[in-house]
Amino acid sequence: MMEILLDPTMLSDFLSTSLRLSIPIVFAALGGVLSERAGVYNIGLEGMMLAGAFGAAVGTFFTGEPFFGVISGMFAGALTAVVLAILAVSLGVNQIVAGIAINMFSIGVTAFLSRIVFSGQANTMTLPGYKAFAIPGLVAIPVIGPVLFQQDALVYLMYATVLLLFYLMFYTPWGLNIRAVGENPRAADTAGVRVNMVRYICVLGSGALAGLGGCYLVLSHVFLFSEHMSAGKGFIALAAIILGRWNPVGALFACLLFGLFDALQLRLQFANPEVPYQAFVILPYVVSILALVGLIGKPRPPGAVGLPYRREGK
């Protein structure tokens, strides 16, 4: 590890790998922040990410254009989120149970449909996707230039999404409504905010963002679709939401931390081939658990998250 820290080129490559590994988690975590700030737990981020990956593969497979893959992936994630919105917002079903059901449903239905749509060749075909390109001038910054400014279009979209969501959440009237609905929906309703409509929009936006995480896996990472390719990243995103204190920028840095340890475990695998690789694969998950344990009692979630809202009759 010391040779990486002492060699600027190796350090830049390591940090670039860390960033790329964190991108799908960032998109999912941003979706979770949006949903939970509005008062709806989104345990279904894993399933929405997987649905987005499948949608991206289908859209790109039939059109040959990754742009349409992104659109169909976001649509698939949002469509999955509709189920959560109906169950949690309209019917008042326990939000954690609903999210777990969505995860299980997505794992099964994407595996089934991929065998039909791709004729069993999903794991072997190569899809067109996004390639890295440099931003002139900025890429020349030592060490961090190639890390931040020699990436593909979805990474740059992630930068913009974090800033946009942060601005929306804390500097606009719409963001104030979202936070009010998540903290005290009855007071927000009294002030004229349509609580359930805000929650619906946020849950659907959450699904679209998680779907973008799945799009990145297919169109920028592996260029194919495989069953259960989200591989627990949605659950790490849930930890990142808490670690980031329900703040888009905080969630970003939490995801970067997990990406850093994911890249580290890959390096450790190559450096120690005699050790079973499973011993290193668990590293990001162990870090997420330790990070949460270290914050017990400190983070405070939105006051009404997980609680369905029903208007009192007049």
Protein backbone atom coordinates (compact mmCIF):
# COMPACT_ATOMS: atom_id res chain seq x y z
CA MET A 1 0.00 0.00 0.00
CA MET A 2 2.89 2.37 0.70
CA GLU A 3 4.09 2.20 -2.91
CA ILE A 4 0.68 3.49 -4.01
CA LEU A 5 0.90 6.49 -1.70
CA LEU A 6 4.44 7.31 -2.85
CA ASP A 7 3.79 6.98 -6.60
CA PRO A 8 1.49 9.76 -7.97
CA THR A 9 0.49 7.68 -11.02
CA MET A 10 -0.42 4.63 -8.95
CA LEU A 11 -2.24 6.83 -6.43
CA SER A 12 -4.23 8.47 -9.21
CA ASP A 13 -5.18 5.07 -10.66
CA PHE A 14 -6.21 3.79 -7.23
CA LEU A 15 -8.38 6.84 -6.53
CA SER A 16 -9.95 6.60 -9.99
CA THR A 17 -10.90 2.99 -9.30
CA SER A 18 -12.32 4.03 -5.93
CA LEU A 19 -14.45 6.72 -7.56
CA ARG A 20 -15.79 4.40 -10.27
CA LEU A 21 -16.72 1.75 -7.72
CA SER A 22 -18.62 4.32 -5.65
CA ILE A 23 -20.73 5.81 -8.47
CA PRO A 24 -23.66 3.33 -8.42
CA ILE A 25 -23.80 3.61 -4.62
CA VAL A 26 -23.84 7.42 -4.87
CA PHE A 27 -26.83 7.44 -7.22
CA ALA A 28 -28.74 5.01 -5.00
CA ALA A 29 -27.85 6.97 -1.85
CA LEU A 30 -29.04 10.23 -3.43
CA GLY A 31 -32.33 8.53 -4.21
CA GLY A 32 -32.58 7.33 -0.64
CA VAL A 33 -31.88 10.81 0.73
CA LEU A 34 -34.66 12.25 -1.44
CA SER A 35 -37.19 9.62 -0.37
CA GLU A 36 -36.35 9.57 3.32
CA ARG A 37 -36.26 13.36 3.58
CA ALA A 38 -39.90 13.18 2.47
CA GLY A 39 -40.69 10.60 5.15
CA VAL A 40 -40.55 7.31 3.22
CA TYR A 41 -37.96 4.63 4.00
CA ASN A 42 -36.65 3.21 0.75
CA ILE A 43 -35.27 -0.20 1.66
CA GLY A 44 -35.99 -1.15 -1.97
CA LEU A 45 -32.96 0.74 -3.37
CA GLU A 46 -31.27 -2.57 -4.18
CA GLY A 47 -34.23 -3.75 -6.24
CA MET A 48 -34.63 -0.39 -7.98
CA MET A 49 -30.94 -0.38 -8.90
CA LEU A 50 -31.29 -3.88 -10.32
CA ALA A 51 -34.39 -2.86 -12.26
CA GLY A 52 -32.48 0.13 -13.62
CA ALA A 53 -29.62 -2.12 -14.73
CA PHE A 54 -32.04 -4.39 -16.54
CA GLY A 55 -33.85 -1.44 -18.12
CA ALA A 56 -30.54 0.03 -19.29
CA ALA A 57 -29.53 -3.28 -20.85
CA VAL A 58 -32.88 -3.68 -22.62
CA GLY A 59 -32.95 -0.11 -23.93
CA THR A 60 -29.38 -0.30 -25.21
CA PHE A 61 -29.86 -3.80 -26.62
CA PHE A 62 -32.81 -2.81 -28.82
CA THR A 63 -31.65 0.68 -29.85
CA GLY A 64 -27.86 0.34 -29.84
CA GLU A 65 -27.67 3.72 -28.08
CA PRO A 66 -26.61 4.01 -24.43
CA PHE A 67 -28.57 7.27 -24.12
CA PHE A 68 -31.83 5.39 -24.57
CA GLY A 69 -30.49 2.79 -22.18
CA VAL A 70 -30.18 5.48 -19.50
CA ILE A 71 -33.73 6.68 -20.18
CA SER A 72 -35.18 3.17 -20.00
CA GLY A 73 -33.10 2.37 -16.91
CA MET A 74 -34.37 5.43 -15.05
CA PHE A 75 -37.91 4.59 -16.16
CA ALA A 76 -37.54 1.02 -14.88
CA GLY A 77 -36.27 2.28 -11.53
CA ALA A 78 -39.13 4.79 -11.26
CA LEU A 79 -41.66 2.12 -12.28
CA THR A 80 -40.44 -0.10 -9.46
CA ALA A 81 -40.71 2.88 -7.11
CA VAL A 82 -44.38 3.28 -8.05
CA VAL A 83 -45.03 0.00 -6.24
CA LEU A 84 -43.36 1.35 -3.08
CA ALA A 85 -45.28 4.62 -3.34
CA ILE A 86 -48.62 2.85 -3.64
CA LEU A 87 -47.89 0.46 -0.79
CA ALA A 88 -46.24 2.93 1.59
CA VAL A 89 -47.98 6.23 0.83
CA SER A 90 -51.45 5.26 -0.36
CA LEU A 91 -52.03 2.01 1.54
CA GLY A 92 -49.90 2.67 4.61
CA VAL A 93 -48.10 -0.67 4.44
CA ASN A 94 -45.02 -1.03 6.63
CA GLN A 95 -42.31 0.64 4.55
CA ILE A 96 -39.50 -1.73 5.49
CA VAL A 97 -41.58 -4.78 4.59
CA ALA A 98 -42.60 -3.15 1.30
CA GLY A 99 -38.98 -2.39 0.45
CA ILE A 100 -37.85 -5.94 1.18
CA ALA A 101 -40.66 -7.26 -1.02
CA ILE A 102 -39.53 -4.99 -3.87
CA ASN A 103 -35.97 -6.29 -3.57
CA MET A 104 -37.08 -9.90 -3.72
CA PHE A 105 -39.45 -9.22 -6.61
CA SER A 106 -36.78 -7.38 -8.64
CA ILE A 107 -34.23 -10.16 -8.19
CA GLY A 108 -36.69 -12.74 -9.48
CA VAL A 109 -38.34 -10.81 -12.29
CA THR A 110 -35.12 -9.41 -13.80
CA ALA A 111 -33.53 -12.88 -13.80
CA PHE A 112 -36.62 -14.32 -15.49
CA LEU A 113 -37.05 -11.56 -18.06
CA SER A 114 -33.34 -11.40 -18.94
CA ARG A 115 -33.46 -15.03 -20.07
CA ILE A 116 -36.43 -14.24 -22.28
CA VAL A 117 -35.26 -10.91 -23.71
CA PHE A 118 -31.62 -11.86 -24.23
CA SER A 119 -32.25 -15.54 -25.04
CA GLY A 120 -29.98 -16.63 -22.20
CA GLN A 121 -27.01 -14.66 -23.57
CA ALA A 122 -27.09 -11.75 -21.10
CA ASN A 123 -23.89 -12.84 -19.38
CA THR A 124 -21.87 -13.12 -22.59
CA MET A 125 -23.00 -10.31 -24.89
CA THR A 126 -21.27 -6.92 -24.83
CA LEU A 127 -23.39 -3.77 -24.91
CA PRO A 128 -22.29 -0.35 -26.16
CA GLY A 129 -21.74 2.12 -23.36
CA TYR A 130 -19.98 5.25 -22.18
CA LYS A 131 -16.23 5.71 -22.36
CA ALA A 132 -14.07 8.07 -20.34
CA PHE A 133 -13.11 11.43 -21.81
CA ALA A 134 -10.96 14.18 -20.36
CA ILE A 135 -11.98 17.76 -19.60
CA PRO A 136 -9.17 19.92 -21.04
CA GLY A 137 -7.22 21.94 -18.51
CA LEU A 138 -8.75 20.36 -15.42
CA VAL A 139 -7.35 16.93 -16.22
CA ALA A 140 -3.83 18.35 -15.93
CA ILE A 141 -4.20 19.00 -12.18
CA PRO A 142 -1.68 16.69 -10.44
CA VAL A 143 -3.12 13.45 -8.99
CA ILE A 144 -6.76 14.56 -8.66
CA GLY A 145 -7.11 15.84 -12.23
CA PRO A 146 -7.22 12.38 -13.87
CA VAL A 147 -9.32 11.10 -10.97
CA LEU A 148 -12.11 13.67 -11.24
CA PHE A 149 -11.93 14.91 -14.82
CA GLN A 150 -11.10 11.87 -16.93
CA GLN A 151 -14.33 9.97 -16.47
CA ASP A 152 -17.38 9.04 -18.51
CA ALA A 153 -20.61 11.01 -18.94
CA LEU A 154 -22.45 9.31 -16.07
CA VAL A 155 -19.76 10.31 -13.59
CA TYR A 156 -20.07 13.94 -14.65
CA LEU A 157 -23.84 13.54 -14.37
CA MET A 158 -23.31 12.34 -10.79
CA TYR A 159 -21.37 15.52 -9.93
CA ALA A 160 -24.22 17.64 -11.28
CA THR A 161 -26.88 15.56 -9.54
CA VAL A 162 -25.26 15.94 -6.12
CA LEU A 163 -25.05 19.72 -6.48
CA LEU A 164 -28.55 20.00 -7.92
CA LEU A 165 -30.14 17.87 -5.21
CA PHE A 166 -28.27 19.75 -2.47
CA TYR A 167 -29.46 23.08 -3.87
CA LEU A 168 -33.01 21.78 -4.32
CA MET A 169 -33.14 20.36 -0.81
CA PHE A 170 -31.80 23.34 1.13
CA TYR A 171 -32.20 26.47 -1.00
CA THR A 172 -35.61 26.22 -2.69
CA PRO A 173 -39.24 26.35 -1.51
CA TRP A 174 -39.76 22.87 -2.95
CA GLY A 175 -36.92 21.55 -0.81
CA LEU A 176 -38.44 23.21 2.24
CA ASN A 177 -41.71 21.41 1.49
CA ILE A 178 -39.87 18.08 1.21
CA ARG A 179 -38.14 18.55 4.54
CA ALA A 180 -41.35 19.75 6.19
CA VAL A 181 -43.23 16.70 4.96
CA GLY A 182 -40.50 14.45 6.33
CA GLU A 183 -40.35 16.19 9.72
CA ASN A 184 -43.95 17.12 10.47
CA PRO A 185 -46.45 16.20 7.75
CA ARG A 186 -49.44 17.48 9.69
CA ALA A 187 -47.92 20.95 10.04
CA ALA A 188 -46.98 20.89 6.34
CA ASP A 189 -50.55 19.90 5.44
CA THR A 190 -51.89 22.74 7.56
CA ALA A 191 -49.63 25.11 5.61
CA GLY A 192 -51.17 23.92 2.34
CA VAL A 193 -48.53 21.37 1.25
CA ARG A 194 -49.98 18.28 -0.43
CA VAL A 195 -48.13 15.72 1.67
CA ASN A 196 -48.87 12.54 -0.25
CA MET A 197 -48.19 14.18 -3.61
CA VAL A 198 -44.77 15.35 -2.38
CA ARG A 199 -44.04 11.86 -1.10
CA TYR A 200 -45.09 10.25 -4.38
CA ILE A 201 -42.83 12.56 -6.38
CA CYS A 202 -39.87 11.97 -4.06
CA VAL A 203 -40.28 8.19 -4.06
CA LEU A 204 -40.48 8.13 -7.87
CA GLY A 205 -37.44 10.40 -8.08
CA SER A 206 -35.68 8.07 -5.66
CA GLY A 207 -36.38 5.12 -7.94
CA ALA A 208 -35.13 7.00 -11.00
CA LEU A 209 -31.87 7.91 -9.23
CA ALA A 210 -31.35 4.34 -8.01
CA GLY A 211 -32.06 3.23 -11.58
CA LEU A 212 -29.24 5.52 -12.70
CA GLY A 213 -26.95 3.56 -10.42
CA GLY A 214 -27.96 0.42 -12.26
CA CYS A 215 -27.41 2.18 -15.59
CA TYR A 216 -23.85 2.94 -14.56
CA LEU A 217 -23.17 -0.71 -13.76
CA VAL A 218 -24.31 -1.79 -17.23
CA LEU A 219 -23.23 1.11 -19.45
CA SER A 220 -19.99 2.26 -17.82
CA HIS A 221 -18.73 -0.60 -15.69
CA VAL A 222 -19.21 -4.08 -17.15
CA PHE A 223 -21.16 -3.43 -20.41
CA LEU A 224 -23.51 -6.35 -19.88
CA PHE A 225 -26.37 -7.43 -17.67
CA SER A 226 -26.08 -10.32 -15.24
CA GLU A 227 -28.47 -11.63 -12.63
CA HIS A 228 -28.31 -9.83 -9.27
CA MET A 229 -25.47 -7.63 -10.52
CA SER A 230 -26.29 -4.94 -7.95
CA ALA A 231 -24.66 -7.32 -5.44
CA GLY A 232 -25.70 -5.53 -2.26
CA LYS A 233 -24.76 -2.00 -3.36
CA GLY A 234 -28.25 -0.77 -2.53
CA PHE A 235 -27.77 -1.87 1.08
CA ILE A 236 -24.44 -0.07 1.30
CA ALA A 237 -26.28 3.00 -0.01
CA LEU A 238 -28.67 2.73 2.95
CA ALA A 239 -25.68 2.86 5.29
CA ALA A 240 -24.27 5.83 3.36
CA ILE A 241 -27.54 7.73 3.83
CA ILE A 242 -27.25 7.41 7.59
CA LEU A 243 -23.53 8.07 7.66
CA GLY A 244 -24.09 11.15 5.48
CA ARG A 245 -26.85 12.39 7.84
CA TRP A 246 -29.51 12.52 5.12
CA ASN A 247 -27.52 15.16 3.24
CA PRO A 248 -26.63 14.69 -0.46
CA VAL A 249 -23.05 15.91 0.02
CA GLY A 250 -22.59 13.85 3.18
CA ALA A 251 -23.94 10.76 1.40
CA LEU A 252 -21.48 11.39 -1.44
CA PHE A 253 -18.49 11.35 0.90
CA ALA A 254 -19.79 8.27 2.69
CA CYS A 255 -20.07 6.46 -0.65
CA LEU A 256 -16.56 7.55 -1.60
CA LEU A 257 -15.33 6.02 1.66
CA PHE A 258 -16.95 2.70 0.78
CA GLY A 259 -15.61 2.90 -2.77
CA LEU A 260 -12.13 3.46 -1.37
CA PHE A 261 -12.28 0.27 0.68
CA ASP A 262 -13.81 -1.63 -2.24
CA ALA A 263 -10.83 -0.65 -4.38
CA LEU A 264 -8.53 -1.58 -1.52
CA GLN A 265 -9.99 -5.07 -1.24
CA LEU A 266 -9.39 -5.59 -4.97
CA ARG A 267 -5.74 -4.59 -4.52
CA LEU A 268 -5.44 -6.94 -1.57
CA GLN A 269 -6.86 -9.80 -3.60
CA PHE A 270 -4.22 -9.40 -6.30
CA ALA A 271 -1.42 -8.91 -3.78
CA ASN A 272 -2.42 -11.97 -1.72
CA PRO A 273 -3.61 -14.70 -4.12
CA GLU A 274 -3.02 -17.39 -1.49
CA VAL A 275 -5.74 -15.89 0.75
CA PRO A 276 -9.38 -16.77 -0.10
CA TYR A 277 -10.83 -13.76 -1.93
CA GLN A 278 -13.96 -13.84 0.25
CA ALA A 279 -11.84 -12.56 3.14
CA PHE A 280 -11.28 -9.33 1.22
CA VAL A 281 -14.69 -8.99 -0.46
CA ILE A 282 -16.37 -8.40 2.91
CA LEU A 283 -14.14 -5.37 3.65
CA PRO A 284 -16.53 -2.61 2.38
CA TYR A 285 -19.42 -4.19 4.28
CA VAL A 286 -17.41 -4.43 7.48
CA VAL A 287 -16.42 -0.77 7.09
CA SER A 288 -20.07 0.23 6.63
CA ILE A 289 -21.06 -1.64 9.79
CA LEU A 290 -18.21 -0.15 11.82
CA ALA A 291 -19.02 3.34 10.55
CA LEU A 292 -22.65 2.96 11.62
CA VAL A 293 -21.72 1.48 14.99
CA GLY A 294 -19.48 4.48 15.59
CA LEU A 295 -22.42 6.82 14.98
CA ILE A 296 -25.00 5.13 17.22
CA GLY A 297 -27.06 7.78 18.97
CA LYS A 298 -25.66 10.67 16.92
CA PRO A 299 -27.51 10.93 13.57
CA ARG A 300 -31.16 11.98 13.77
CA PRO A 301 -33.38 10.85 10.91
CA PRO A 302 -36.32 12.95 9.67
CA GLY A 303 -38.97 12.98 12.36
CA ALA A 304 -41.80 11.37 10.35
CA VAL A 305 -39.79 8.91 8.25
CA GLY A 306 -41.48 5.52 8.14
CA LEU A 307 -44.82 6.89 9.33
CA PRO A 308 -47.81 6.94 6.91
CA TYR A 309 -49.87 10.11 6.91
CA ARG A 310 -53.64 10.31 6.88
CA ARG A 311 -55.52 13.58 6.85
CA GLU A 312 -58.03 14.06 9.61
CA GLY A 313 -61.60 14.44 8.46
CA LYS A 314 -63.12 17.86 8.72
